[in-house]
Protein backbone atom coordinates (compact mmCIF):
# COMPACT_ATOMS: atom_id res chain seq x y z
CA UNK A 1 -219.53 -97.95 128.14
CA UNK A 2 -219.22 -95.43 131.21
CA UNK A 3 -216.86 -92.34 131.48
CA UNK A 4 -215.56 -91.17 134.75
CA UNK A 5 -214.42 -87.58 135.94
CA UNK A 6 -212.79 -86.87 139.69
CA UNK A 7 -210.37 -83.71 139.94
CA UNK A 8 -207.57 -84.40 137.53
CA UNK A 9 -208.66 -88.14 136.55
CA UNK A 10 -210.43 -88.82 133.65
CA UNK A 11 -211.61 -92.87 132.68
CA UNK A 12 -213.59 -94.98 130.88
CA UNK A 13 -214.49 -97.90 130.44
CA UNK A 14 -216.66 -100.44 128.17
CA UNK A 15 -217.20 -104.15 127.11
CA UNK A 16 -217.82 -105.35 123.78
CA UNK A 17 -219.42 -108.93 122.08
CA UNK A 18 -219.71 -110.00 118.66
CA UNK A 19 -221.08 -112.74 117.31
CA UNK A 20 -220.49 -114.11 113.57
CA UNK A 21 -222.26 -117.50 112.31
CA UNK A 22 -222.65 -118.77 108.90
CA UNK A 23 -222.86 -121.44 106.62
CA UNK A 24 -220.79 -121.29 103.29
CA UNK A 25 -221.35 -123.79 101.03
CA UNK A 26 -219.76 -123.60 97.64
CA UNK A 27 -221.71 -125.70 94.71
CA UNK A 28 -220.39 -126.83 90.96
CA UNK A 29 -224.28 -125.93 89.00
CA UNK A 30 -223.34 -127.12 85.45
CA UNK A 31 -220.16 -126.84 83.30
CA UNK A 32 -220.10 -126.78 79.37
CA UNK A 33 -216.23 -128.36 79.86
CA UNK A 34 -215.87 -130.62 83.19
CA UNK A 35 -213.41 -130.49 85.42
CA UNK A 36 -212.07 -134.21 86.27
CA UNK A 37 -214.90 -135.96 87.03
CA UNK A 38 -217.50 -133.46 88.81
CA UNK A 39 -221.27 -134.20 88.16
CA UNK A 40 -223.54 -131.31 87.66
CA UNK A 41 -224.69 -129.92 91.37
CA UNK A 42 -220.89 -131.11 92.45
CA UNK A 43 -220.65 -129.00 96.29
CA UNK A 44 -217.10 -128.39 96.87
CA UNK A 45 -217.26 -127.54 100.28
CA UNK A 46 -220.09 -127.15 102.47
CA UNK A 47 -219.65 -125.99 106.43
CA UNK A 48 -220.15 -123.95 109.28
CA UNK A 49 -217.78 -121.33 110.57
CA UNK A 50 -218.24 -119.16 113.58
CA UNK A 51 -216.18 -116.12 115.35
CA UNK A 52 -216.90 -114.86 118.68
CA UNK A 53 -214.96 -111.51 119.90
CA UNK A 54 -215.13 -109.99 123.33
CA UNK A 55 -213.44 -107.46 124.82
CA UNK A 56 -213.19 -105.41 128.08
CA UNK A 57 -211.21 -102.09 127.92
CA UNK A 58 -209.86 -99.42 129.81
CA UNK A 59 -208.33 -95.97 129.75
CA UNK A 60 -206.97 -93.59 132.60
CA UNK A 61 -205.42 -89.81 132.63
CA UNK A 62 -204.20 -89.09 135.94
CA UNK A 63 -202.87 -84.49 135.78
CA UNK A 64 -200.10 -85.11 138.31
CA UNK A 65 -199.21 -81.31 137.20
CA UNK A 66 -200.28 -77.98 134.76
CA UNK A 67 -198.10 -79.82 132.50
CA UNK A 68 -197.23 -83.47 133.42
CA UNK A 69 -200.07 -85.82 132.42
CA UNK A 70 -200.11 -89.62 132.53
CA UNK A 71 -202.18 -92.34 131.24
CA UNK A 72 -202.98 -95.73 131.33
CA UNK A 73 -205.07 -98.36 128.71
CA UNK A 74 -205.60 -101.74 129.61
CA UNK A 75 -207.93 -104.04 127.32
CA UNK A 76 -208.55 -107.66 127.53
CA UNK A 77 -209.23 -109.32 124.42
CA UNK A 78 -210.78 -112.89 123.64
CA UNK A 79 -211.61 -114.48 120.66
CA UNK A 80 -212.80 -117.88 119.46
CA UNK A 81 -212.92 -119.78 116.22
CA UNK A 82 -214.90 -121.95 115.20
CA UNK A 83 -215.35 -125.25 112.54
CA UNK A 84 -218.73 -127.22 112.65
CA UNK A 85 -220.64 -129.13 110.32
CA UNK A 86 -218.02 -129.63 108.02
CA UNK A 87 -220.55 -132.07 105.76
CA UNK A 88 -217.98 -133.24 103.37
CA UNK A 89 -214.26 -133.71 104.99
CA UNK A 90 -215.13 -134.32 109.45
CA UNK A 91 -212.93 -131.54 110.72
CA UNK A 92 -214.00 -129.67 113.38
CA UNK A 93 -212.12 -127.60 115.45
CA UNK A 94 -212.69 -124.98 118.53
CA UNK A 95 -209.64 -122.37 119.11
CA UNK A 96 -209.63 -119.76 121.33
CA UNK A 97 -207.07 -116.14 122.02
CA UNK A 98 -206.82 -114.45 124.89
CA UNK A 99 -204.40 -111.38 125.45
CA UNK A 100 -204.37 -108.80 127.40
CA UNK A 101 -202.54 -105.68 126.29
CA UNK A 102 -201.73 -102.86 128.07
CA UNK A 103 -200.61 -99.32 127.23
CA UNK A 104 -199.21 -96.14 129.37
CA UNK A 105 -197.44 -92.77 127.94
CA UNK A 106 -197.02 -89.86 129.75
CA UNK A 107 -197.04 -85.77 128.55
CA UNK A 108 -194.94 -83.48 129.50
CA UNK A 109 -195.33 -79.60 128.32
CA UNK A 110 -192.15 -78.07 128.99
CA UNK A 111 -193.17 -74.98 126.91
CA UNK A 112 -196.16 -72.55 127.14
CA UNK A 113 -196.55 -69.10 126.06
CA UNK A 114 -199.36 -66.84 124.21
CA UNK A 115 -196.06 -64.72 122.19
CA UNK A 116 -193.19 -65.73 120.82
CA UNK A 117 -192.72 -67.89 117.61
CA UNK A 118 -193.14 -70.92 119.85
CA UNK A 119 -196.31 -71.05 121.59
CA UNK A 120 -196.10 -74.77 123.23
CA UNK A 121 -193.45 -77.66 123.39
CA UNK A 122 -194.48 -81.11 124.74
CA UNK A 123 -192.40 -84.33 125.35
CA UNK A 124 -193.84 -86.89 125.14
CA UNK A 125 -192.95 -90.80 126.01
CA UNK A 126 -195.17 -94.44 125.32
CA UNK A 127 -194.85 -98.15 125.84
CA UNK A 128 -197.53 -101.12 124.68
CA UNK A 129 -197.76 -104.13 124.56
CA UNK A 130 -200.32 -105.66 121.47
CA UNK A 131 -201.12 -108.72 120.18
CA UNK A 132 -203.07 -110.64 117.27
CA UNK A 133 -204.38 -113.98 116.38
CA UNK A 134 -204.06 -115.89 113.02
CA UNK A 135 -206.86 -115.34 111.06
CA UNK A 136 -209.34 -118.05 110.05
CA UNK A 137 -208.36 -119.19 107.14
CA UNK A 138 -204.96 -119.29 108.50
CA UNK A 139 -205.65 -121.89 109.95
CA UNK A 140 -207.36 -124.15 107.50
CA UNK A 141 -209.51 -122.94 104.96
CA UNK A 142 -212.52 -125.83 104.12
CA UNK A 143 -213.17 -123.63 100.47
CA UNK A 144 -209.82 -124.50 98.89
CA UNK A 145 -209.70 -128.03 98.43
CA UNK A 146 -205.85 -127.86 98.39
CA UNK A 147 -205.51 -126.25 102.01
CA UNK A 148 -203.84 -128.44 104.42
CA UNK A 149 -205.05 -127.84 107.85
CA UNK A 150 -202.13 -125.46 109.83
CA UNK A 151 -202.18 -127.84 112.63
CA UNK A 152 -199.80 -130.48 114.22
CA UNK A 153 -202.59 -132.83 115.40
CA UNK A 154 -205.50 -134.47 113.50
CA UNK A 155 -207.68 -136.58 115.97
CA UNK A 156 -209.31 -139.91 114.15
CA UNK A 157 -212.61 -138.12 114.79
CA UNK A 158 -211.69 -134.93 112.46
CA UNK A 159 -211.22 -133.19 115.58
CA UNK A 160 -208.35 -130.15 114.84
CA UNK A 161 -205.45 -129.17 118.30
CA UNK A 162 -202.43 -127.79 119.01
CA UNK A 163 -201.61 -124.89 115.69
CA UNK A 164 -198.55 -124.85 114.17
CA UNK A 165 -199.48 -120.51 114.05
CA UNK A 166 -198.87 -119.20 117.03
CA UNK A 167 -200.34 -115.50 117.91
CA UNK A 168 -198.37 -112.43 117.49
CA UNK A 169 -197.05 -110.28 119.56
CA UNK A 170 -195.27 -106.51 119.48
CA UNK A 171 -193.21 -104.38 122.22
CA UNK A 172 -193.90 -101.04 121.23
CA UNK A 173 -191.48 -98.06 122.72
CA UNK A 174 -192.06 -93.96 121.19
CA UNK A 175 -190.58 -90.71 121.75
CA UNK A 176 -190.98 -87.48 120.68
CA UNK A 177 -191.62 -83.61 120.82
CA UNK A 178 -194.34 -81.63 119.92
CA UNK A 179 -194.06 -77.67 118.83
CA UNK A 180 -196.47 -75.10 117.79
CA UNK A 181 -196.06 -71.90 117.35
CA UNK A 182 -197.71 -69.12 114.71
CA UNK A 183 -195.60 -70.61 111.95
CA UNK A 184 -197.76 -74.21 112.30
CA UNK A 185 -196.98 -77.27 114.18
CA UNK A 186 -194.22 -79.69 114.27
CA UNK A 187 -193.58 -83.30 115.33
CA UNK A 188 -190.24 -85.12 115.63
CA UNK A 189 -190.44 -88.99 117.02
CA UNK A 190 -188.95 -92.03 117.19
CA UNK A 191 -190.24 -95.69 117.75
CA UNK A 192 -188.56 -98.82 118.73
CA UNK A 193 -190.82 -102.74 117.48
CA UNK A 194 -190.14 -105.79 118.63
CA UNK A 195 -192.24 -108.43 117.08
CA UNK A 196 -192.13 -112.16 117.52
CA UNK A 197 -194.05 -114.56 115.14
CA UNK A 198 -194.79 -111.99 112.75
């Protein structure tokens, strides 16, 4: 993470990498009243799951005038899911999701004084776009015996392709007023959110 300031301009940027990997297995050691046909030490699932998350971001702020400030946030997010070494059903997949998510905003100070009932009054507005990928088990849950893969294509090799569930996308508009005085603080705002594939 790095920060930069020059006059009325401020910026911050950074990178993030997360790697999660683990073997998952479920085994019935023994049961007095056995379900249908399971021998002792019966393995119900045995697979390896991997999730790799990488992201980069930049936050910027400009003071155009003493009373007007603009902000711009940019981020790039990439998520990779992998199902590997499925010992029981032989299924596997690699699924990538990549999103660019911007946010722009403005703050305008309408009133500023040290005396009076209203000492500070500002207006704000913003627009942003965000995305969210399905979680791993929404695509396929190897630990649920009745779970079907949420993919259009299952190749003879066991590879799963073309997921049915699409990433969620939302556009968000917001605007409002904030006030502060000797009586306390108050705000009035509204927003509009446009979802797709929620």
